[in-house]
Amino acid sequence: MTTRGLRSHAAGNRRVRRVVIAVAALLIAVALVVTVALMAPLPPRTIVMATGAQGGTYAEAARRYQAALARNGVRLELRETHGSVENLALLRDPQSGVSVALAQGGLTSATESPAVRSLGTVFYEPVWVFLRQEDLPQPGSRGFRGRGYIGQPGSGTRALAEELLVMLGQDMSLIKPVDMTAAEAGEALLRGELDLAVIVSAWEAPIVRRLLTAPGITTLSAPRADAHVALHPYLSRLVLPRGVGDLASDRPPEDVQLLAVKASLLVRKDLHPAIQYLLLDAASITHGAAGIFNRAGQFPAAEPTDLPLSDTALQYFRSGVPWLQRNLPFWLASIASQLLVLLIPIIGVIYPIFRLLPALFGWSMRQRIFHLYGELKFLEAEIDAVGARHAGPELHARLEQLEQRANHMHVPQAFAHMVYTLRLHIGMVRKRIATEGTSD
């Protein structure tokens, strides 16, 4: 190998080292950028929930969610609405500020509400049809007649009541709807100011319990309930046992067939996953107990009635709350999960690179020493070609220069033995020149 070739080889080694270092730096930079992109912001400290009318089942459930989230340092603001229809409208509107709401099934679809996801169903909402006994419709009539409550405008009760009453053959023009809350309508029915009240609410609602046991008030049994369920899968058939309202008074006096929808806990799909886990945990505490119509642990349930379940809900129903959130305080778990994301580039890219750097450094040190060995070998080849006796001053000067470079080479202690060996070999070549030159 010529001197020019050796220099070209050394320059190539330097270029390789620079390329490897540049690629390593680039990989680290890319890994950090990707990590920052993957890192989600910390959960919000305040979110807004649409609750429904004051005194209703939704409002009561929302207050319990509020207390559960407050224990974890998250403030849940409650916004009163007319019910499910308005709740859905607020969730679909990104400018409303509402991130969470309860809504009954059968009101929307994934196409109509692409920005909304479900966390599952949380309780049954039976359709209670209460009327005064003297107002029972006669066979062959077009249905009820008079003033009636069928839900407030914008409520899920109004939408469902109108649909079911029409299916039952009710002439809606015979009903004069009133605009009031379910609790107000129940009291008006008890006072004789209303003829009919259709209330979509859970069994636990105080006004439902009052009307079930009130003298002169009849709870209408839904005819052909199984047919309704077959035609409308979002409906369920429930049976209210005789006497469950008041055993002593035998109220109701017979089993009552009820149609029911299931209320779903809905969120905007961009709501932080950690908050979704908090809501699901609160729903499990709030609705997990056994009731008149459900067994213990039935709710929340992984039932995408109208909308698909969120990714967080799917993970929750498969394996529960994440380990960090289950074993650490909420905010500490949120910070720890972000720190784990930061470990991705460290474990996946930076750690292997730093493991590679010592090997790269060792290769570089060896190449420096081997480069001098290459020059020494080239000198020996020239000496063999001309003979030691004819080795001129130019060869002696090059050998001297090579020795000086070896003597001034600074390397880590781990590579010092290689430099000492190189110096020894240079000395052997000088000795050979001296010996063979003298003998000649």
Protein backbone atom coordinates (compact mmCIF):
# COMPACT_ATOMS: atom_id res chain seq x y z
CA MET A 1 0.00 0.00 0.00
CA THR A 2 1.37 3.44 -0.99
CA THR A 3 1.60 6.39 1.36
CA ARG A 4 -1.22 8.06 -0.54
CA GLY A 5 -3.34 4.91 -0.12
CA LEU A 6 -2.70 4.81 3.61
CA ARG A 7 -3.66 8.46 3.94
CA SER A 8 -6.79 7.85 1.90
CA HIS A 9 -7.62 4.89 4.16
CA ALA A 10 -7.17 7.04 7.27
CA ALA A 11 -9.33 9.79 5.79
CA GLY A 12 -11.99 7.20 5.00
CA ASN A 13 -11.95 5.97 8.60
CA ARG A 14 -12.40 9.51 9.82
CA ARG A 15 -15.34 9.98 7.45
CA VAL A 16 -16.91 6.73 8.69
CA ARG A 17 -16.56 7.89 12.29
CA ARG A 18 -18.13 11.24 11.48
CA VAL A 19 -21.01 9.55 9.62
CA VAL A 20 -21.69 7.13 12.50
CA ILE A 21 -21.66 9.94 15.04
CA ALA A 22 -23.93 12.08 12.84
CA VAL A 23 -26.37 9.20 12.35
CA ALA A 24 -26.39 8.52 16.10
CA ALA A 25 -27.10 12.18 16.83
CA LEU A 26 -29.85 12.21 14.21
CA LEU A 27 -31.48 9.07 15.64
CA ILE A 28 -31.43 10.57 19.14
CA ALA A 29 -32.98 13.80 17.86
CA VAL A 30 -35.70 11.93 15.95
CA ALA A 31 -36.45 9.73 18.97
CA LEU A 32 -36.84 12.78 21.19
CA VAL A 33 -39.10 14.53 18.67
CA VAL A 34 -41.27 11.43 18.33
CA THR A 35 -41.46 11.12 22.12
CA VAL A 36 -42.55 14.72 22.54
CA ALA A 37 -45.20 14.14 19.87
CA LEU A 38 -46.43 11.01 21.63
CA MET A 39 -46.61 12.66 25.03
CA ALA A 40 -50.11 13.78 25.85
CA PRO A 41 -50.68 16.83 28.03
CA LEU A 42 -51.47 16.27 31.67
CA PRO A 43 -55.17 15.77 32.46
CA PRO A 44 -57.28 18.93 32.84
CA ARG A 45 -58.09 19.98 36.37
CA THR A 46 -61.62 21.09 35.45
CA ILE A 47 -64.17 19.50 33.11
CA VAL A 48 -67.85 20.22 32.43
CA MET A 49 -70.70 17.69 32.58
CA ALA A 50 -74.23 18.19 31.23
CA THR A 51 -76.61 16.87 33.88
CA GLY A 52 -80.25 17.10 32.82
CA ALA A 53 -83.02 18.77 34.82
CA GLN A 54 -82.57 19.64 38.47
CA GLY A 55 -83.84 16.86 40.74
CA GLY A 56 -83.66 14.20 38.04
CA THR A 57 -81.72 10.95 38.01
CA TYR A 58 -79.01 12.42 35.78
CA ALA A 59 -78.44 15.34 38.12
CA GLU A 60 -78.18 13.04 41.13
CA ALA A 61 -75.71 10.73 39.37
CA ALA A 62 -73.67 13.76 38.25
CA ARG A 63 -73.34 14.98 41.84
CA ARG A 64 -71.94 11.60 42.84
CA TYR A 65 -69.47 11.73 39.95
CA GLN A 66 -68.53 15.22 41.08
CA ALA A 67 -67.71 13.99 44.57
CA ALA A 68 -65.68 11.03 43.23
CA LEU A 69 -63.58 13.22 40.92
CA ALA A 70 -63.07 15.82 43.64
CA ARG A 71 -61.37 13.17 45.78
CA ASN A 72 -58.76 12.93 43.01
CA GLY A 73 -58.26 16.67 42.62
CA VAL A 74 -60.42 17.10 39.50
CA ARG A 75 -63.23 19.67 39.51
CA LEU A 76 -66.42 18.59 37.73
CA GLU A 77 -68.65 21.53 36.80
CA LEU A 78 -72.32 20.62 36.38
CA ARG A 79 -74.42 22.28 33.68
CA GLU A 80 -78.19 21.90 33.99
CA THR A 81 -80.02 20.99 30.76
CA HIS A 82 -83.40 19.73 29.60
CA GLY A 83 -82.09 16.20 29.13
CA SER A 84 -80.52 13.76 26.71
CA VAL A 85 -81.19 15.56 23.43
CA GLU A 86 -79.65 18.78 24.68
CA ASN A 87 -76.78 16.84 26.29
CA LEU A 88 -75.92 15.25 22.96
CA ALA A 89 -76.07 18.60 21.19
CA LEU A 90 -73.64 20.08 23.71
CA LEU A 91 -71.24 17.14 23.36
CA ARG A 92 -71.28 17.45 19.57
CA ASP A 93 -70.47 21.16 19.80
CA PRO A 94 -66.72 21.64 20.41
CA GLN A 95 -67.37 25.23 21.51
CA SER A 96 -69.79 24.28 24.30
CA GLY A 97 -67.08 23.30 26.76
CA VAL A 98 -69.03 20.16 27.75
CA SER A 99 -66.91 17.00 27.83
CA VAL A 100 -69.16 14.55 29.69
CA ALA A 101 -72.89 13.80 29.76
CA LEU A 102 -75.47 11.13 30.41
CA ALA A 103 -77.89 10.29 27.61
CA GLN A 104 -80.50 7.63 26.97
CA GLY A 105 -80.18 5.13 24.16
CA GLY A 106 -81.85 5.39 20.78
CA LEU A 107 -81.17 9.08 20.15
CA THR A 108 -78.08 9.17 17.96
CA SER A 109 -75.53 7.15 15.97
CA ALA A 110 -71.82 7.16 15.22
CA THR A 111 -72.53 8.95 11.94
CA GLU A 112 -74.53 11.71 13.62
CA SER A 113 -72.08 12.12 16.53
CA PRO A 114 -68.58 11.32 15.23
CA ALA A 115 -66.87 13.32 17.98
CA VAL A 116 -68.65 11.48 20.81
CA ARG A 117 -67.76 8.14 22.38
CA SER A 118 -69.42 5.96 25.00
CA LEU A 119 -67.98 4.74 28.28
CA GLY A 120 -70.72 2.12 28.48
CA THR A 121 -74.25 1.87 29.82
CA VAL A 122 -74.76 2.75 33.48
CA PHE A 123 -78.40 2.13 34.46
CA TYR A 124 -81.88 1.34 33.20
CA GLU A 125 -84.37 4.13 32.56
CA PRO A 126 -87.86 2.63 32.50
CA VAL A 127 -90.62 4.45 30.68
CA TRP A 128 -93.21 5.09 33.39
CA VAL A 129 -96.69 5.95 32.19
CA PHE A 130 -98.70 7.32 35.13
CA LEU A 131 -102.32 8.47 34.87
CA ARG A 132 -105.28 9.04 37.10
CA GLN A 133 -107.60 6.03 37.28
CA GLU A 134 -110.59 8.01 36.02
CA ASP A 135 -108.58 8.97 32.91
CA LEU A 136 -107.98 5.43 31.66
CA PRO A 137 -108.60 5.37 27.89
CA GLN A 138 -111.61 3.38 26.76
CA PRO A 139 -111.23 0.48 24.33
CA GLY A 140 -111.49 1.66 20.73
CA SER A 141 -110.59 5.26 21.60
CA ARG A 142 -107.71 7.16 20.07
CA GLY A 143 -105.86 7.18 23.38
CA PHE A 144 -105.49 9.58 26.27
CA ARG A 145 -107.12 12.97 26.20
CA GLY A 146 -106.20 16.05 28.20
CA ARG A 147 -103.17 17.78 29.66
CA GLY A 148 -100.14 15.58 29.85
CA TYR A 149 -96.43 15.64 30.58
CA ILE A 150 -94.35 13.87 27.94
CA GLY A 151 -91.02 15.47 28.74
CA GLN A 152 -89.57 18.91 28.18
CA PRO A 153 -88.64 20.11 24.69
CA GLY A 154 -85.06 19.01 23.99
CA SER A 155 -85.26 16.10 26.40
CA GLY A 156 -84.83 12.41 25.67
CA THR A 157 -88.13 11.78 27.47
CA ARG A 158 -90.03 13.89 24.91
CA ALA A 159 -88.40 12.11 21.95
CA LEU A 160 -88.98 8.63 23.36
CA ALA A 161 -92.50 9.30 24.70
CA GLU A 162 -93.74 10.63 21.37
CA GLU A 163 -92.26 7.65 19.53
CA LEU A 164 -93.75 5.05 21.88
CA LEU A 165 -97.17 6.69 22.21
CA VAL A 166 -97.56 6.88 18.44
CA MET A 167 -96.61 3.19 18.16
CA LEU A 168 -99.31 2.41 20.72
CA GLY A 169 -101.93 4.18 18.58
CA GLN A 170 -102.10 7.40 20.57
CA ASP A 171 -103.46 10.41 18.73
CA MET A 172 -100.91 13.02 19.83
CA SER A 173 -103.31 15.85 18.98
CA LEU A 174 -105.45 14.76 21.95
CA ILE A 175 -102.64 15.52 24.40
CA LYS A 176 -101.87 19.08 25.47
CA PRO A 177 -98.19 18.88 26.51
CA VAL A 178 -96.97 20.94 29.44
CA ASP A 179 -93.46 22.29 29.90
CA MET A 180 -92.19 21.41 33.37
CA THR A 181 -89.73 19.08 35.03
CA ALA A 182 -90.57 15.46 35.79
CA ALA A 183 -90.77 16.19 39.51
CA GLU A 184 -93.13 19.13 38.91
CA ALA A 185 -95.27 17.03 36.57
CA GLY A 186 -95.56 14.27 39.16
CA GLU A 187 -96.74 16.71 41.80
CA ALA A 188 -99.23 18.23 39.34
CA LEU A 189 -100.58 14.75 38.56
CA LEU A 190 -101.03 14.08 42.27
CA ARG A 191 -102.96 17.34 42.62
CA GLY A 192 -105.20 16.46 39.70
CA GLU A 193 -103.86 19.23 37.49
CA LEU A 194 -102.57 16.76 34.89
CA ASP A 195 -104.17 13.69 33.32
CA LEU A 196 -101.02 11.91 32.20
CA ALA A 197 -97.31 11.88 33.01
CA VAL A 198 -94.74 9.94 30.97
CA ILE A 199 -91.52 9.87 32.95
CA VAL A 200 -88.30 8.25 31.75
CA SER A 201 -86.29 7.80 34.90
CA ALA A 202 -84.60 5.25 37.11
CA TRP A 203 -86.49 3.41 39.84
CA GLU A 204 -84.60 5.44 42.46
CA ALA A 205 -86.18 8.78 41.40
CA PRO A 206 -88.24 10.08 44.38
CA ILE A 207 -91.18 11.17 42.22
CA VAL A 208 -91.41 7.71 40.66
CA ARG A 209 -91.58 6.10 44.09
CA ARG A 210 -94.27 8.54 45.20
CA LEU A 211 -96.47 7.98 42.17
CA LEU A 212 -96.17 4.18 42.44
CA THR A 213 -97.68 4.24 45.91
CA ALA A 214 -100.12 7.16 45.51
CA PRO A 215 -103.84 6.28 45.74
CA GLY A 216 -105.78 6.93 42.54
CA ILE A 217 -102.66 6.79 40.33
CA THR A 218 -102.26 3.89 37.91
CA THR A 219 -98.99 2.66 36.43
CA LEU A 220 -99.77 1.55 32.91
CA SER A 221 -98.29 -1.77 31.79
CA ALA A 222 -96.70 -1.69 28.32
CA PRO A 223 -98.65 -3.93 25.91
CA ARG A 224 -96.67 -6.15 23.52
CA ALA A 225 -93.38 -5.21 25.21
CA ASP A 226 -91.44 -8.06 23.59
CA ALA A 227 -92.53 -6.89 20.15
CA HIS A 228 -91.25 -3.39 20.89
CA VAL A 229 -87.88 -4.78 21.98
CA ALA A 230 -87.65 -6.90 18.84
CA LEU A 231 -88.36 -3.88 16.64
CA HIS A 232 -86.17 -1.45 18.59
CA PRO A 233 -83.01 -3.12 19.96
CA TYR A 234 -82.14 -0.10 22.13
CA LEU A 235 -85.20 -0.94 24.28
CA SER A 236 -85.30 -3.49 27.10
CA ARG A 237 -88.24 -5.25 28.73
CA LEU A 238 -88.44 -5.07 32.52
CA VAL A 239 -90.97 -6.41 34.99
CA LEU A 240 -91.90 -4.42 38.09
CA PRO A 241 -93.03 -7.05 40.64
CA ARG A 242 -96.40 -6.71 42.32
CA GLY A 243 -96.19 -4.98 45.70
CA VAL A 244 -92.59 -3.79 45.27
CA GLY A 245 -93.61 -0.16 45.80
CA ASP A 246 -95.48 -0.82 49.03
CA LEU A 247 -96.00 -4.38 50.23
CA ALA A 248 -98.52 -3.42 52.89
CA SER A 249 -100.75 -1.59 50.42
CA ASP A 250 -99.98 -4.05 47.58
CA ARG A 251 -98.78 -1.29 45.26
CA PRO A 252 -98.69 -1.87 42.38
CA PRO A 253 -101.52 -4.42 42.62
CA GLU A 254 -100.08 -6.58 39.79
CA ASP A 255 -96.86 -7.10 37.88
CA VAL A 256 -96.18 -4.23 35.49
CA GLN A 257 -94.40 -4.70 32.17
CA LEU A 258 -92.13 -1.78 31.42
CA LEU A 259 -90.17 -0.70 28.41
CA ALA A 260 -86.80 0.79 29.27
CA VAL A 261 -83.79 2.40 27.68
CA LYS A 262 -80.29 2.29 29.10
CA ALA A 263 -78.51 5.47 30.01
CA SER A 264 -74.97 5.75 28.65
CA LEU A 265 -72.08 7.75 30.00
CA LEU A 266 -70.81 9.73 27.01
CA VAL A 267 -67.67 11.78 26.49
CA ARG A 268 -65.99 13.70 23.75
CA LYS A 269 -63.49 11.37 22.12
CA ASP A 270 -60.62 13.80 22.82
CA LEU A 271 -61.20 13.76 26.59
CA HIS A 272 -57.98 12.78 28.37
CA PRO A 273 -57.80 8.99 28.98
CA ALA A 274 -56.91 9.46 32.65
CA ILE A 275 -60.15 11.43 33.18
CA GLN A 276 -62.10 8.72 31.36
CA TYR A 277 -60.68 6.15 33.78
CA LEU A 278 -61.76 8.35 36.70
CA LEU A 279 -65.29 8.58 35.27
CA LEU A 280 -65.49 4.83 34.74
CA ASP A 281 -64.31 4.23 38.29
CA ALA A 282 -66.91 6.71 39.57
CA ALA A 283 -69.60 4.99 37.47
CA SER A 284 -68.64 1.62 38.95
CA ILE A 285 -69.03 3.02 42.48
CA THR A 286 -72.24 4.92 41.66
CA HIS A 287 -74.09 2.28 39.64
CA GLY A 288 -72.42 -1.00 40.58
CA ALA A 289 -74.78 -2.01 43.39
CA ALA A 290 -77.73 -4.36 42.87
CA GLY A 291 -81.11 -2.78 42.18
CA ILE A 292 -84.70 -3.69 41.40
CA PHE A 293 -83.85 -4.37 37.75
CA ASN A 294 -80.15 -5.19 37.78
CA ARG A 295 -77.74 -7.49 39.55
CA ALA A 296 -74.64 -6.28 41.42
CA GLY A 297 -71.77 -5.43 39.09
CA GLN A 298 -73.93 -5.31 35.96
CA PHE A 299 -73.16 -1.62 35.45
CA PRO A 300 -71.20 0.01 33.99
CA ALA A 301 -71.46 -2.38 31.07
CA ALA A 302 -69.49 -2.56 27.81
CA GLU A 303 -72.57 -1.95 25.67
CA PRO A 304 -72.16 0.45 22.73
CA THR A 305 -75.89 1.16 22.46
CA ASP A 306 -75.72 4.07 19.99
CA LEU A 307 -72.05 5.01 19.88
CA PRO A 308 -68.81 3.00 19.87
CA LEU A 309 -66.93 2.57 23.11
CA SER A 310 -63.85 4.74 23.51
CA ASP A 311 -60.44 3.07 23.40
CA THR A 312 -60.06 3.83 27.10
CA ALA A 313 -63.38 2.16 27.91
CA LEU A 314 -62.41 -0.94 25.90
CA GLN A 315 -59.16 -1.15 27.86
CA TYR A 316 -61.02 -0.62 31.16
CA PHE A 317 -63.50 -3.42 30.52
CA ARG A 318 -60.66 -5.75 29.47
CA SER A 319 -58.21 -5.14 32.30
CA GLY A 320 -59.52 -2.43 34.62
CA VAL A 321 -57.76 0.75 35.71
CA PRO A 322 -54.04 0.94 34.76
CA TRP A 323 -51.58 -0.19 37.41
CA LEU A 324 -50.15 3.27 38.00
CA GLN A 325 -53.55 4.89 38.47
CA ARG A 326 -54.66 2.01 40.68
CA ASN A 327 -51.68 2.19 43.03
CA LEU A 328 -50.64 5.85 43.02
CA PRO A 329 -52.47 9.10 43.71
CA PHE A 330 -54.12 10.35 40.51
CA TRP A 331 -51.81 13.26 39.69
CA LEU A 332 -48.67 11.34 40.65
CA ALA A 333 -49.80 8.50 38.37
CA SER A 334 -50.38 10.96 35.52
CA ILE A 335 -46.87 12.39 35.87
CA ALA A 336 -45.34 8.91 36.19
CA SER A 337 -47.05 7.74 33.00
CA GLN A 338 -45.52 10.72 31.14
CA LEU A 339 -42.09 9.85 32.52
CA LEU A 340 -42.52 6.31 31.22
CA VAL A 341 -43.14 7.75 27.77
CA LEU A 342 -39.82 9.58 28.07
CA LEU A 343 -38.10 6.24 28.62
CA ILE A 344 -39.04 5.15 25.08
CA PRO A 345 -36.12 6.93 23.37
CA ILE A 346 -33.78 6.09 26.24
CA ILE A 347 -34.49 2.37 26.12
CA GLY A 348 -35.16 2.06 22.40
CA VAL A 349 -32.54 4.36 20.87
CA ILE A 350 -30.28 6.27 23.23
CA TYR A 351 -29.30 3.27 25.38
CA PRO A 352 -28.22 1.10 22.40
CA ILE A 353 -26.34 4.06 20.95
CA PHE A 354 -24.44 4.63 24.17
CA ARG A 355 -23.68 0.93 24.31
CA LEU A 356 -22.32 1.25 20.77
CA LEU A 357 -20.19 4.34 21.43
CA PRO A 358 -17.48 2.53 23.51
CA ALA A 359 -17.14 -0.06 20.74
CA LEU A 360 -16.94 2.74 18.17
CA PHE A 361 -14.31 4.52 20.25
CA GLY A 362 -12.28 1.32 20.61
CA TRP A 363 -12.48 0.73 16.88
CA SER A 364 -11.23 4.28 16.29
CA MET A 365 -8.26 3.81 18.64
CA ARG A 366 -7.28 0.52 17.03
CA GLN A 367 -7.55 2.08 13.57
CA ARG A 368 -5.11 4.83 14.57
CA ILE A 369 -2.57 2.25 15.76
CA PHE A 370 -3.17 -0.06 12.80
CA HIS A 371 -2.64 2.88 10.46
CA LEU A 372 0.92 3.30 11.85
CA TYR A 373 1.43 -0.44 11.57
CA GLY A 374 0.47 -0.13 7.91
CA GLU A 375 3.08 2.55 7.33
CA LEU A 376 5.70 0.42 9.15
CA LYS A 377 4.87 -2.54 6.97
CA PHE A 378 5.20 -0.38 3.87
CA LEU A 379 8.65 0.76 5.06
CA GLU A 380 9.72 -2.83 5.64
CA ALA A 381 8.60 -3.71 2.14
CA GLU A 382 10.72 -0.90 0.68
CA ILE A 383 13.70 -1.99 2.78
CA ASP A 384 13.32 -5.57 1.55
CA ALA A 385 13.16 -4.28 -2.00
CA VAL A 386 16.38 -2.21 -1.88
CA GLY A 387 18.18 -4.05 0.91
CA ALA A 388 19.07 -2.71 4.33
CA ARG A 389 22.55 -1.72 3.13
CA HIS A 390 21.04 0.62 0.54
CA ALA A 391 18.41 2.14 2.79
CA GLY A 392 18.94 5.81 2.18
CA PRO A 393 18.42 8.83 4.42
CA GLU A 394 14.84 9.23 3.18
CA LEU A 395 13.85 5.81 4.57
CA HIS A 396 15.68 6.52 7.83
CA ALA A 397 13.86 9.87 8.12
CA ARG A 398 10.47 8.27 7.53
CA LEU A 399 11.21 5.61 10.15
CA GLU A 400 12.25 8.32 12.57
CA GLN A 401 9.09 10.27 11.85
CA LEU A 402 6.98 7.15 12.37
CA GLU A 403 8.65 6.53 15.72
CA GLN A 404 8.01 10.13 16.78
CA ARG A 405 4.34 9.78 15.92
CA ALA A 406 4.13 6.56 17.92
CA ASN A 407 5.90 8.15 20.91
CA HIS A 408 3.48 11.10 20.91
CA MET A 409 0.30 9.09 20.39
CA HIS A 410 -2.12 9.60 23.32
CA VAL A 411 -4.49 6.69 23.90
CA PRO A 412 -6.51 5.41 26.90
CA GLN A 413 -4.79 3.02 29.27
CA ALA A 414 -6.68 0.07 27.76
CA PHE A 415 -4.86 0.59 24.44
CA ALA A 416 -1.41 1.50 25.82
CA HIS A 417 -0.07 -2.03 25.35
CA MET A 418 -0.77 -1.83 21.62
CA VAL A 419 1.28 1.40 21.34
CA TYR A 420 4.15 -0.18 23.33
CA THR A 421 4.10 -3.15 20.98
CA LEU A 422 4.15 -0.79 17.98
CA ARG A 423 7.20 1.02 19.39
CA LEU A 424 8.90 -2.34 19.96
CA HIS A 425 8.32 -3.34 16.36
CA ILE A 426 9.63 0.01 15.10
CA GLY A 427 12.75 -0.55 17.19
CA MET A 428 13.13 -4.04 15.71
CA VAL A 429 13.03 -2.59 12.18
CA ARG A 430 15.69 -0.01 13.08
CA LYS A 431 17.83 -2.72 14.65
CA ARG A 432 17.46 -4.85 11.55
CA ILE A 433 18.63 -2.00 9.33
CA ALA A 434 21.60 -1.37 11.56
CA THR A 435 22.55 -5.04 11.83
CA GLU A 436 22.14 -5.96 8.17
CA GLY A 437 23.85 -2.73 7.04
CA THR A 438 26.91 -3.42 9.24
CA SER A 439 27.21 -7.07 8.19
CA ASP A 440 27.13 -6.08 4.55
